[in-house]
């Protein structure tokens, strides 16, 4: 089991979770962050600091967002375990196709 970033993160990209993660397993994408499930140690530090309530323990993920378990895992199929977000060569991972297809949220005034 691992923690999962769900739909409320899309187009928010607050980096509080990235900064709070003690094992550096949360990677920013272009429109949302993703948790590498093989690197997550289930500590819950990210869930506590998420300002939009987008992070859930996999078993507690609301049914409407159940696909985000697969989305978080599939984003790493090609890139694998990167060994920590701080060592990324690029600024962001490419978003999962389902996330990329979502309508963009309008910026708050």
PDB file of N, CA and C in Angstrom:
ATOM      1  N   UNK A   1       0.835  -1.188   0.000  1.00  0.00           N
ATOM      2  CA  UNK A   1       0.000   0.000   0.000  1.00  0.00           C
ATOM      3  C   UNK A   1       0.879   1.250   0.000  1.00  0.00           C
ATOM      4  N   UNK A   2       0.303   2.336  -0.461  1.00  0.00           N
ATOM      5  CA  UNK A   2       1.007   3.612  -0.521  1.00  0.00           C
ATOM      6  C   UNK A   2      -0.028   4.730  -0.454  1.00  0.00           C
ATOM      7  N   UNK A   3       0.453   5.928  -0.307  1.00  0.00           N
ATOM      8  CA  UNK A   3      -0.415   7.089  -0.402  1.00  0.00           C
ATOM      9  C   UNK A   3      -0.593   7.432  -1.873  1.00  0.00           C
ATOM     10  N   UNK A   4      -1.705   8.117  -2.179  1.00  0.00           N
ATOM     11  CA  UNK A   4      -2.078   8.426  -3.548  1.00  0.00           C
ATOM     12  C   UNK A   4      -2.477   9.896  -3.630  1.00  0.00           C
ATOM     13  N   UNK A   5      -2.028  10.575  -4.672  1.00  0.00           N
ATOM     14  CA  UNK A   5      -2.471  11.939  -4.943  1.00  0.00           C
ATOM     15  C   UNK A   5      -3.659  11.845  -5.885  1.00  0.00           C
ATOM     16  N   UNK A   6      -4.758  12.535  -5.538  1.00  0.00           N
ATOM     17  CA  UNK A   6      -5.993  12.443  -6.313  1.00  0.00           C
ATOM     18  C   UNK A   6      -6.325  13.763  -7.016  1.00  0.00           C
ATOM     19  N   UNK A   7      -7.480  13.810  -7.624  1.00  0.00           N
ATOM     20  CA  UNK A   7      -7.897  14.901  -8.497  1.00  0.00           C
ATOM     21  C   UNK A   7      -7.834  16.307  -7.894  1.00  0.00           C
ATOM     22  N   UNK A   8      -8.076  16.528  -6.603  1.00  0.00           N
ATOM     23  CA  UNK A   8      -8.008  17.907  -6.112  1.00  0.00           C
ATOM     24  C   UNK A   8      -6.652  18.586  -6.331  1.00  0.00           C
ATOM     25  N   UNK A   9      -5.606  17.814  -6.583  1.00  0.00           N
ATOM     26  CA  UNK A   9      -4.282  18.383  -6.827  1.00  0.00           C
ATOM     27  C   UNK A   9      -4.150  18.977  -8.229  1.00  0.00           C
ATOM     28  N   UNK A  10      -4.962  18.515  -9.166  1.00  0.00           N
ATOM     29  CA  UNK A  10      -4.825  18.950 -10.559  1.00  0.00           C
ATOM     30  C   UNK A  10      -4.923  20.477 -10.641  1.00  0.00           C
ATOM     31  N   UNK A  11      -3.931  21.060 -11.267  1.00  0.00           N
ATOM     32  CA  UNK A  11      -3.801  22.504 -11.489  1.00  0.00           C
ATOM     33  C   UNK A  11      -3.603  23.314 -10.206  1.00  0.00           C
ATOM     34  N   UNK A  12      -3.269  22.655  -9.104  1.00  0.00           N
ATOM     35  CA  UNK A  12      -2.946  23.362  -7.864  1.00  0.00           C
ATOM     36  C   UNK A  12      -1.429  23.339  -7.658  1.00  0.00           C
ATOM     37  N   UNK A  13      -0.857  22.152  -7.651  1.00  0.00           N
ATOM     38  CA  UNK A  13       0.582  21.948  -7.529  1.00  0.00           C
ATOM     39  C   UNK A  13       1.246  22.720  -6.395  1.00  0.00           C
ATOM     40  N   UNK A  14       0.624  22.726  -5.243  1.00  0.00           N
ATOM     41  CA  UNK A  14       1.269  23.238  -4.042  1.00  0.00           C
ATOM     42  C   UNK A  14       2.354  22.233  -3.665  1.00  0.00           C
ATOM     43  N   UNK A  15       3.538  22.696  -3.377  1.00  0.00           N
ATOM     44  CA  UNK A  15       4.668  21.787  -3.133  1.00  0.00           C
ATOM     45  C   UNK A  15       4.839  21.418  -1.658  1.00  0.00           C
ATOM     46  N   UNK A  16       3.864  21.695  -0.828  1.00  0.00           N
ATOM     47  CA  UNK A  16       3.976  21.357   0.594  1.00  0.00           C
ATOM     48  C   UNK A  16       4.239  19.872   0.797  1.00  0.00           C
ATOM     49  N   UNK A  17       3.572  19.035   0.027  1.00  0.00           N
ATOM     50  CA  UNK A  17       3.739  17.584   0.170  1.00  0.00           C
ATOM     51  C   UNK A  17       5.145  17.159  -0.226  1.00  0.00           C
ATOM     52  N   UNK A  18       5.671  17.744  -1.296  1.00  0.00           N
ATOM     53  CA  UNK A  18       7.028  17.420  -1.752  1.00  0.00           C
ATOM     54  C   UNK A  18       8.029  17.755  -0.654  1.00  0.00           C
ATOM     55  N   UNK A  19       7.883  18.931  -0.059  1.00  0.00           N
ATOM     56  CA  UNK A  19       8.791  19.380   0.994  1.00  0.00           C
ATOM     57  C   UNK A  19       8.662  18.551   2.268  1.00  0.00           C
ATOM     58  N   UNK A  20       7.452  18.044   2.552  1.00  0.00           N
ATOM     59  CA  UNK A  20       7.222  17.293   3.788  1.00  0.00           C
ATOM     60  C   UNK A  20       7.639  15.833   3.707  1.00  0.00           C
ATOM     61  N   UNK A  21       7.761  15.301   2.515  1.00  0.00           N
ATOM     62  CA  UNK A  21       8.041  13.867   2.342  1.00  0.00           C
ATOM     63  C   UNK A  21       9.466  13.521   2.776  1.00  0.00           C
ATOM     64  N   UNK A  22       9.614  12.687   3.803  1.00  0.00           N
ATOM     65  CA  UNK A  22      10.955  12.359   4.295  1.00  0.00           C
ATOM     66  C   UNK A  22      11.753  11.429   3.379  1.00  0.00           C
ATOM     67  N   UNK A  23      11.073  10.754   2.437  1.00  0.00           N
ATOM     68  CA  UNK A  23      11.785   9.853   1.531  1.00  0.00           C
ATOM     69  C   UNK A  23      11.809  10.374   0.094  1.00  0.00           C
ATOM     70  N   UNK A  24      11.311  11.594  -0.113  1.00  0.00           N
ATOM     71  CA  UNK A  24      11.436  12.261  -1.408  1.00  0.00           C
ATOM     72  C   UNK A  24      10.760  11.480  -2.534  1.00  0.00           C
ATOM     73  N   UNK A  25       9.556  10.915  -2.251  1.00  0.00           N
ATOM     74  CA  UNK A  25       8.890  10.064  -3.245  1.00  0.00           C
ATOM     75  C   UNK A  25       7.740  10.746  -3.962  1.00  0.00           C
ATOM     76  N   UNK A  26       7.569  12.050  -3.770  1.00  0.00           N
ATOM     77  CA  UNK A  26       6.497  12.785  -4.439  1.00  0.00           C
ATOM     78  C   UNK A  26       7.130  13.638  -5.535  1.00  0.00           C
ATOM     79  N   UNK A  27       6.678  13.398  -6.753  1.00  0.00           N
ATOM     80  CA  UNK A  27       7.269  14.023  -7.928  1.00  0.00           C
ATOM     81  C   UNK A  27       6.272  14.957  -8.587  1.00  0.00           C
ATOM     82  N   UNK A  28       6.677  16.178  -8.887  1.00  0.00           N
ATOM     83  CA  UNK A  28       5.764  17.079  -9.582  1.00  0.00           C
ATOM     84  C   UNK A  28       5.609  16.697 -11.046  1.00  0.00           C
ATOM     85  N   UNK A  29       4.373  16.723 -11.499  1.00  0.00           N
ATOM     86  CA  UNK A  29       4.081  16.586 -12.918  1.00  0.00           C
ATOM     87  C   UNK A  29       3.785  17.967 -13.458  1.00  0.00           C
ATOM     88  N   UNK A  30       3.319  18.034 -14.680  1.00  0.00           N
ATOM     89  CA  UNK A  30       3.009  19.330 -15.253  1.00  0.00           C
ATOM     90  C   UNK A  30       1.765  19.949 -14.627  1.00  0.00           C
ATOM     91  N   UNK A  31       0.770  19.104 -14.250  1.00  0.00           N
ATOM     92  CA  UNK A  31      -0.480  19.624 -13.696  1.00  0.00           C
ATOM     93  C   UNK A  31      -0.794  19.115 -12.306  1.00  0.00           C
ATOM     94  N   UNK A  32      -0.111  18.077 -11.829  1.00  0.00           N
ATOM     95  CA  UNK A  32      -0.336  17.570 -10.480  1.00  0.00           C
ATOM     96  C   UNK A  32       0.906  16.824 -10.013  1.00  0.00           C
ATOM     97  N   UNK A  33       0.941  16.503  -8.747  1.00  0.00           N
ATOM     98  CA  UNK A  33       2.047  15.722  -8.189  1.00  0.00           C
ATOM     99  C   UNK A  33       1.655  14.248  -8.196  1.00  0.00           C
ATOM    100  N   UNK A  34       2.677  13.381  -8.180  1.00  0.00           N
ATOM    101  CA  UNK A  34       2.468  11.929  -8.194  1.00  0.00           C
ATOM    102  C   UNK A  34       3.351  11.283  -7.145  1.00  0.00           C
ATOM    103  N   UNK A  35       2.823  10.269  -6.464  1.00  0.00           N
ATOM    104  CA  UNK A  35       3.598   9.516  -5.481  1.00  0.00           C
ATOM    105  C   UNK A  35       4.085   8.224  -6.122  1.00  0.00           C
ATOM    106  N   UNK A  36       5.388   7.986  -6.066  1.00  0.00           N
ATOM    107  CA  UNK A  36       5.976   6.748  -6.584  1.00  0.00           C
ATOM    108  C   UNK A  36       5.663   5.662  -5.552  1.00  0.00           C
ATOM    109  N   UNK A  37       4.745   4.729  -5.844  1.00  0.00           N
ATOM    110  CA  UNK A  37       4.284   3.778  -4.838  1.00  0.00           C
ATOM    111  C   UNK A  37       5.373   2.853  -4.295  1.00  0.00           C
ATOM    112  N   UNK A  38       6.400   2.570  -5.081  1.00  0.00           N
ATOM    113  CA  UNK A  38       7.472   1.697  -4.603  1.00  0.00           C
ATOM    114  C   UNK A  38       8.434   2.414  -3.660  1.00  0.00           C
ATOM    115  N   UNK A  39       8.405   3.730  -3.654  1.00  0.00           N
ATOM    116  CA  UNK A  39       9.286   4.512  -2.784  1.00  0.00           C
ATOM    117  C   UNK A  39       8.572   5.000  -1.517  1.00  0.00           C
ATOM    118  N   UNK A  40       7.242   5.035  -1.541  1.00  0.00           N
ATOM    119  CA  UNK A  40       6.455   5.541  -0.407  1.00  0.00           C
ATOM    120  C   UNK A  40       6.577   4.602   0.790  1.00  0.00           C
ATOM    121  N   UNK A  41       6.808   5.176   1.977  1.00  0.00           N
ATOM    122  CA  UNK A  41       6.933   4.378   3.201  1.00  0.00           C
ATOM    123  C   UNK A  41       5.700   4.507   4.104  1.00  0.00           C
ATOM    124  N   UNK A  42       4.624   5.056   3.575  1.00  0.00           N
ATOM    125  CA  UNK A  42       3.341   5.142   4.291  1.00  0.00           C
ATOM    126  C   UNK A  42       3.399   5.940   5.585  1.00  0.00           C
ATOM    127  N   UNK A  43       4.196   6.992   5.633  1.00  0.00           N
ATOM    128  CA  UNK A  43       4.315   7.769   6.868  1.00  0.00           C
ATOM    129  C   UNK A  43       3.169   8.755   7.062  1.00  0.00           C
ATOM    130  N   UNK A  44       2.548   9.218   5.981  1.00  0.00           N
ATOM    131  CA  UNK A  44       1.425  10.142   6.071  1.00  0.00           C
ATOM    132  C   UNK A  44       1.796  11.602   6.222  1.00  0.00           C
ATOM    133  N   UNK A  45       3.069  11.937   6.186  1.00  0.00           N
ATOM    134  CA  UNK A  45       3.483  13.340   6.341  1.00  0.00           C
ATOM    135  C   UNK A  45       2.880  14.217   5.249  1.00  0.00           C
ATOM    136  N   UNK A  46       2.771  13.696   4.048  1.00  0.00           N
ATOM    137  CA  UNK A  46       2.230  14.459   2.920  1.00  0.00           C
ATOM    138  C   UNK A  46       0.746  14.757   3.099  1.00  0.00           C
ATOM    139  N   UNK A  47       0.015  13.777   3.577  1.00  0.00           N
ATOM    140  CA  UNK A  47      -1.428  13.919   3.751  1.00  0.00           C
ATOM    141  C   UNK A  47      -1.748  15.056   4.718  1.00  0.00           C
ATOM    142  N   UNK A  48      -0.953  15.189   5.749  1.00  0.00           N
ATOM    143  CA  UNK A  48      -1.189  16.196   6.785  1.00  0.00           C
ATOM    144  C   UNK A  48      -0.984  17.622   6.297  1.00  0.00           C
ATOM    145  N   UNK A  49      -0.136  17.820   5.286  1.00  0.00           N
ATOM    146  CA  UNK A  49       0.179  19.182   4.852  1.00  0.00           C
ATOM    147  C   UNK A  49      -0.517  19.596   3.553  1.00  0.00           C
ATOM    148  N   UNK A  50      -1.217  18.695   2.903  1.00  0.00           N
ATOM    149  CA  UNK A  50      -1.860  19.015   1.627  1.00  0.00           C
ATOM    150  C   UNK A  50      -2.978  20.042   1.844  1.00  0.00           C
ATOM    151  N   UNK A  51      -2.869  21.221   1.229  1.00  0.00           N
ATOM    152  CA  UNK A  51      -3.868  22.271   1.464  1.00  0.00           C
ATOM    153  C   UNK A  51      -5.218  22.016   0.793  1.00  0.00           C
ATOM    154  N   UNK A  52      -5.288  21.067  -0.147  1.00  0.00           N
ATOM    155  CA  UNK A  52      -6.548  20.802  -0.845  1.00  0.00           C
ATOM    156  C   UNK A  52      -7.106  19.413  -0.563  1.00  0.00           C
ATOM    157  N   UNK A  53      -6.527  18.685   0.373  1.00  0.00           N
ATOM    158  CA  UNK A  53      -7.029  17.361   0.734  1.00  0.00           C
ATOM    159  C   UNK A  53      -6.990  16.375  -0.418  1.00  0.00           C
ATOM    160  N   UNK A  54      -5.891  16.392  -1.183  1.00  0.00           N
ATOM    161  CA  UNK A  54      -5.778  15.543  -2.366  1.00  0.00           C
ATOM    162  C   UNK A  54      -5.053  14.236  -2.110  1.00  0.00           C
ATOM    163  N   UNK A  55      -4.490  14.040  -0.928  1.00  0.00           N
ATOM    164  CA  UNK A  55      -3.675  12.857  -0.664  1.00  0.00           C
ATOM    165  C   UNK A  55      -4.387  11.934   0.314  1.00  0.00           C
ATOM    166  N   UNK A  56      -4.461  10.659  -0.084  1.00  0.00           N
ATOM    167  CA  UNK A  56      -5.150   9.651   0.710  1.00  0.00           C
ATOM    168  C   UNK A  56      -4.306   8.392   0.794  1.00  0.00           C
ATOM    169  N   UNK A  57      -4.448   7.699   1.929  1.00  0.00           N
ATOM    170  CA  UNK A  57      -3.913   6.349   1.996  1.00  0.00           C
ATOM    171  C   UNK A  57      -4.719   5.536   0.993  1.00  0.00           C
ATOM    172  N   UNK A  58      -4.071   4.677   0.252  1.00  0.00           N
ATOM    173  CA  UNK A  58      -4.705   3.956  -0.854  1.00  0.00           C
ATOM    174  C   UNK A  58      -6.045   3.322  -0.470  1.00  0.00           C
ATOM    175  N   UNK A  59      -6.125   2.706   0.689  1.00  0.00           N
ATOM    176  CA  UNK A  59      -7.371   2.051   1.123  1.00  0.00           C
ATOM    177  C   UNK A  59      -8.469   3.047   1.482  1.00  0.00           C
ATOM    178  N   UNK A  60      -8.094   4.312   1.746  1.00  0.00           N
ATOM    179  CA  UNK A  60      -9.065   5.330   2.141  1.00  0.00           C
ATOM    180  C   UNK A  60      -9.472   6.254   1.001  1.00  0.00           C
ATOM    181  N   UNK A  61      -8.950   6.016  -0.179  1.00  0.00           N
ATOM    182  CA  UNK A  61      -9.240   6.854  -1.339  1.00  0.00           C
ATOM    183  C   UNK A  61     -10.725   6.776  -1.666  1.00  0.00           C
ATOM    184  N   UNK A  62     -11.400   7.942  -1.786  1.00  0.00           N
ATOM    185  CA  UNK A  62     -12.821   7.905  -2.147  1.00  0.00           C
ATOM    186  C   UNK A  62     -13.036   7.155  -3.464  1.00  0.00           C
ATOM    187  N   UNK A  63     -14.120   6.427  -3.542  1.00  0.00           N
ATOM    188  CA  UNK A  63     -14.412   5.588  -4.702  1.00  0.00           C
ATOM    189  C   UNK A  63     -14.392   6.379  -6.011  1.00  0.00           C
ATOM    190  N   UNK A  64     -14.883   7.620  -5.980  1.00  0.00           N
ATOM    191  CA  UNK A  64     -14.910   8.456  -7.187  1.00  0.00           C
ATOM    192  C   UNK A  64     -13.517   8.704  -7.756  1.00  0.00           C
ATOM    193  N   UNK A  65     -12.502   8.628  -6.927  1.00  0.00           N
ATOM    194  CA  UNK A  65     -11.132   8.895  -7.352  1.00  0.00           C
ATOM    195  C   UNK A  65     -10.282   7.622  -7.367  1.00  0.00           C
ATOM    196  N   UNK A  66     -10.919   6.470  -7.352  1.00  0.00           N
ATOM    197  CA  UNK A  66     -10.210   5.197  -7.308  1.00  0.00           C
ATOM    198  C   UNK A  66      -9.197   5.009  -8.419  1.00  0.00           C
ATOM    199  N   UNK A  67      -9.444   5.595  -9.569  1.00  0.00           N
ATOM    200  CA  UNK A  67      -8.522   5.466 -10.691  1.00  0.00           C
ATOM    201  C   UNK A  67      -7.170   6.131 -10.432  1.00  0.00           C
ATOM    202  N   UNK A  68      -7.099   7.013  -9.448  1.00  0.00           N
ATOM    203  CA  UNK A  68      -5.838   7.703  -9.166  1.00  0.00           C
ATOM    204  C   UNK A  68      -4.773   6.785  -8.569  1.00  0.00           C
ATOM    205  N   UNK A  69      -5.156   5.661  -8.011  1.00  0.00           N
ATOM    206  CA  UNK A  69      -4.150   4.674  -7.590  1.00  0.00           C
ATOM    207  C   UNK A  69      -3.398   4.195  -8.816  1.00  0.00           C
ATOM    208  N   UNK A  70      -4.124   3.865  -9.853  1.00  0.00           N
ATOM    209  CA  UNK A  70      -3.520   3.415 -11.113  1.00  0.00           C
ATOM    210  C   UNK A  70      -2.754   4.547 -11.782  1.00  0.00           C
ATOM    211  N   UNK A  71      -3.311   5.744 -11.780  1.00  0.00           N
ATOM    212  CA  UNK A  71      -2.656   6.896 -12.405  1.00  0.00           C
ATOM    213  C   UNK A  71      -1.300   7.155 -11.758  1.00  0.00           C
ATOM    214  N   UNK A  72      -1.253   7.176 -10.408  1.00  0.00           N
ATOM    215  CA  UNK A  72       0.016   7.431  -9.721  1.00  0.00           C
ATOM    216  C   UNK A  72       1.054   6.370 -10.063  1.00  0.00           C
ATOM    217  N   UNK A  73       0.646   5.117 -10.141  1.00  0.00           N
ATOM    218  CA  UNK A  73       1.589   4.035 -10.462  1.00  0.00           C
ATOM    219  C   UNK A  73       2.018   4.075 -11.931  1.00  0.00           C
ATOM    220  N   UNK A  74       1.063   4.300 -12.832  1.00  0.00           N
ATOM    221  CA  UNK A  74       1.367   4.240 -14.258  1.00  0.00           C
ATOM    222  C   UNK A  74       2.291   5.358 -14.724  1.00  0.00           C
ATOM    223  N   UNK A  75       2.272   6.479 -14.050  1.00  0.00           N
ATOM    224  CA  UNK A  75       3.139   7.598 -14.452  1.00  0.00           C
ATOM    225  C   UNK A  75       4.613   7.194 -14.344  1.00  0.00           C
ATOM    226  N   UNK A  76       4.912   6.196 -13.518  1.00  0.00           N
ATOM    227  CA  UNK A  76       6.298   5.773 -13.303  1.00  0.00           C
ATOM    228  C   UNK A  76       6.692   4.541 -14.119  1.00  0.00           C
ATOM    229  N   UNK A  77       5.791   4.010 -14.943  1.00  0.00           N
ATOM    230  CA  UNK A  77       6.110   2.801 -15.721  1.00  0.00           C
ATOM    231  C   UNK A  77       7.338   3.022 -16.592  1.00  0.00           C
ATOM    232  N   UNK A  78       7.383   4.117 -17.308  1.00  0.00           N
ATOM    233  CA  UNK A  78       8.518   4.358 -18.189  1.00  0.00           C
ATOM    234  C   UNK A  78       9.744   4.874 -17.454  1.00  0.00           C
ATOM    235  N   UNK A  79       9.556   5.703 -16.431  1.00  0.00           N
ATOM    236  CA  UNK A  79      10.704   6.310 -15.751  1.00  0.00           C
ATOM    237  C   UNK A  79      11.208   5.478 -14.576  1.00  0.00           C
ATOM    238  N   UNK A  80      10.372   4.586 -14.052  1.00  0.00           N
ATOM    239  CA  UNK A  80      10.782   3.724 -12.951  1.00  0.00           C
ATOM    240  C   UNK A  80      10.918   4.464 -11.627  1.00  0.00           C
ATOM    241  N   UNK A  81      11.704   3.887 -10.733  1.00  0.00           N
ATOM    242  CA  UNK A  81      11.984   4.509  -9.437  1.00  0.00           C
ATOM    243  C   UNK A  81      13.144   5.470  -9.649  1.00  0.00           C
ATOM    244  N   UNK A  82      12.883   6.726  -9.462  1.00  0.00           N
ATOM    245  CA  UNK A  82      13.874   7.755  -9.758  1.00  0.00           C
ATOM    246  C   UNK A  82      14.840   8.008  -8.605  1.00  0.00           C
ATOM    247  N   UNK A  83      14.528   7.452  -7.447  1.00  0.00           N
ATOM    248  CA  UNK A  83      15.431   7.614  -6.312  1.00  0.00           C
ATOM    249  C   UNK A  83      15.357   8.957  -5.629  1.00  0.00           C
ATOM    250  N   UNK A  84      14.254   9.642  -5.783  1.00  0.00           N
ATOM    251  CA  UNK A  84      14.055  10.908  -5.089  1.00  0.00           C
ATOM    252  C   UNK A  84      13.796  12.059  -6.032  1.00  0.00           C
ATOM    253  N   UNK A  85      12.772  12.812  -5.713  1.00  0.00           N
ATOM    254  CA  UNK A  85      12.364  13.932  -6.559  1.00  0.00           C
ATOM    255  C   UNK A  85      13.430  15.011  -6.625  1.00  0.00           C
ATOM    256  N   UNK A  86      14.205  15.164  -5.584  1.00  0.00           N
ATOM    257  CA  UNK A  86      15.214  16.235  -5.580  1.00  0.00           C
ATOM    258  C   UNK A  86      16.319  15.980  -6.593  1.00  0.00           C
ATOM    259  N   UNK A  87      16.480  14.734  -7.050  1.00  0.00           N
ATOM    260  CA  UNK A  87      17.512  14.414  -8.021  1.00  0.00           C
ATOM    261  C   UNK A  87      17.025  14.381  -9.450  1.00  0.00           C
ATOM    262  N   UNK A  88      15.806  14.840  -9.693  1.00  0.00           N
ATOM    263  CA  UNK A  88      15.256  14.814 -11.047  1.00  0.00           C
ATOM    264  C   UNK A  88      16.031  15.741 -11.974  1.00  0.00           C
ATOM    265  N   UNK A  89      16.275  15.265 -13.181  1.00  0.00           N
ATOM    266  CA  UNK A  89      16.973  16.070 -14.169  1.00  0.00           C
ATOM    267  C   UNK A  89      16.060  17.122 -14.790  1.00  0.00           C
ATOM    268  N   UNK A  90      14.750  16.853 -14.804  1.00  0.00           N
ATOM    269  CA  UNK A  90      13.800  17.802 -15.379  1.00  0.00           C
ATOM    270  C   UNK A  90      12.929  18.380 -14.280  1.00  0.00           C
ATOM    271  N   UNK A  91      12.232  19.451 -14.603  1.00  0.00           N
ATOM    272  CA  UNK A  91      11.383  20.114 -13.619  1.00  0.00           C
ATOM    273  C   UNK A  91      10.123  19.333 -13.293  1.00  0.00           C
ATOM    274  N   UNK A  92       9.572  18.594 -14.265  1.00  0.00           N
ATOM    275  CA  UNK A  92       8.307  17.910 -14.040  1.00  0.00           C
ATOM    276  C   UNK A  92       8.215  16.641 -14.878  1.00  0.00           C
ATOM    277  N   UNK A  93       7.524  15.661 -14.315  1.00  0.00           N
ATOM    278  CA  UNK A  93       7.206  14.456 -15.078  1.00  0.00           C
ATOM    279  C   UNK A  93       6.095  14.791 -16.068  1.00  0.00           C
ATOM    280  N   UNK A  94       6.030  14.080 -17.176  1.00  0.00           N
ATOM    281  CA  UNK A  94       4.861  14.266 -18.041  1.00  0.00           C
ATOM    282  C   UNK A  94       3.632  13.722 -17.320  1.00  0.00           C
ATOM    283  N   UNK A  95       2.528  14.417 -17.422  1.00  0.00           N
ATOM    284  CA  UNK A  95       1.318  13.966 -16.749  1.00  0.00           C
ATOM    285  C   UNK A  95       0.759  12.704 -17.390  1.00  0.00           C
ATOM    286  N   UNK A  96       0.055  11.928 -16.585  1.00  0.00           N
ATOM    287  CA  UNK A  96      -0.677  10.766 -17.081  1.00  0.00           C
ATOM    288  C   UNK A  96      -1.696  11.278 -18.097  1.00  0.00           C
ATOM    289  N   UNK A  97      -1.968  10.484 -19.114  1.00  0.00           N
ATOM    290  CA  UNK A  97      -2.881  10.917 -20.179  1.00  0.00           C
ATOM    291  C   UNK A  97      -4.268  11.287 -19.664  1.00  0.00           C
ATOM    292  N   UNK A  98      -4.750  10.624 -18.615  1.00  0.00           N
ATOM    293  CA  UNK A  98      -6.066  10.962 -18.066  1.00  0.00           C
ATOM    294  C   UNK A  98      -6.049  12.314 -17.369  1.00  0.00           C
ATOM    295  N   UNK A  99      -4.939  12.654 -16.737  1.00  0.00           N
ATOM    296  CA  UNK A  99      -4.802  13.962 -16.092  1.00  0.00           C
ATOM    297  C   UNK A  99      -4.648  15.039 -17.157  1.00  0.00           C
ATOM    298  N   UNK A 100      -3.825  14.784 -18.146  1.00  0.00           N
ATOM    299  CA  UNK A 100      -3.611  15.755 -19.213  1.00  0.00           C
ATOM    300  C   UNK A 100      -4.913  16.079 -19.952  1.00  0.00           C
ATOM    301  N   UNK A 101      -5.826  15.132 -20.016  1.00  0.00           N
ATOM    302  CA  UNK A 101      -7.083  15.315 -20.734  1.00  0.00           C
ATOM    303  C   UNK A 101      -8.140  16.084 -19.938  1.00  0.00           C
ATOM    304  N   UNK A 102      -7.930  16.257 -18.639  1.00  0.00           N
ATOM    305  CA  UNK A 102      -8.907  16.968 -17.818  1.00  0.00           C
ATOM    306  C   UNK A 102      -8.977  18.449 -18.213  1.00  0.00           C
ATOM    307  N   UNK A 103     -10.161  19.056 -18.126  1.00  0.00           N
ATOM    308  CA  UNK A 103     -10.248  20.492 -18.399  1.00  0.00           C
ATOM    309  C   UNK A 103      -9.423  21.262 -17.355  1.00  0.00           C
ATOM    310  N   UNK A 104      -8.799  22.321 -17.793  1.00  0.00           N
ATOM    311  CA  UNK A 104      -7.981  23.127 -16.867  1.00  0.00           C
ATOM    312  C   UNK A 104      -8.867  23.897 -15.921  1.00  0.00           C
ATOM    313  N   UNK A 105      -8.403  23.981 -14.657  1.00  0.00           N
ATOM    314  CA  UNK A 105      -9.114  24.799 -13.657  1.00  0.00           C
ATOM    315  C   UNK A 105      -8.723  26.252 -13.889  1.00  0.00           C
ATOM    316  N   UNK A 106      -9.685  27.117 -13.720  1.00  0.00           N
ATOM    317  CA  UNK A 106      -9.389  28.545 -13.849  1.00  0.00           C
ATOM    318  C   UNK A 106      -8.686  29.014 -12.592  1.00  0.00           C
ATOM    319  N   UNK A 107      -7.753  29.920 -12.758  1.00  0.00           N
ATOM    320  CA  UNK A 107      -7.016  30.477 -11.627  1.00  0.00           C
ATOM    321  C   UNK A 107      -7.951  31.279 -10.743  1.00  0.00           C
ATOM    322  N   UNK A 108      -7.738  31.161  -9.430  1.00  0.00           N
ATOM    323  CA  UNK A 108      -8.543  31.929  -8.481  1.00  0.00           C
ATOM    324  C   UNK A 108      -8.098  33.382  -8.497  1.00  0.00           C
ATOM    325  N   UNK A 109      -9.050  34.273  -8.315  1.00  0.00           N
ATOM    326  CA  UNK A 109      -8.736  35.712  -8.317  1.00  0.00           C
ATOM    327  C   UNK A 109      -8.259  36.157  -6.967  1.00  0.00           C
TER     328      UNK A 109
END
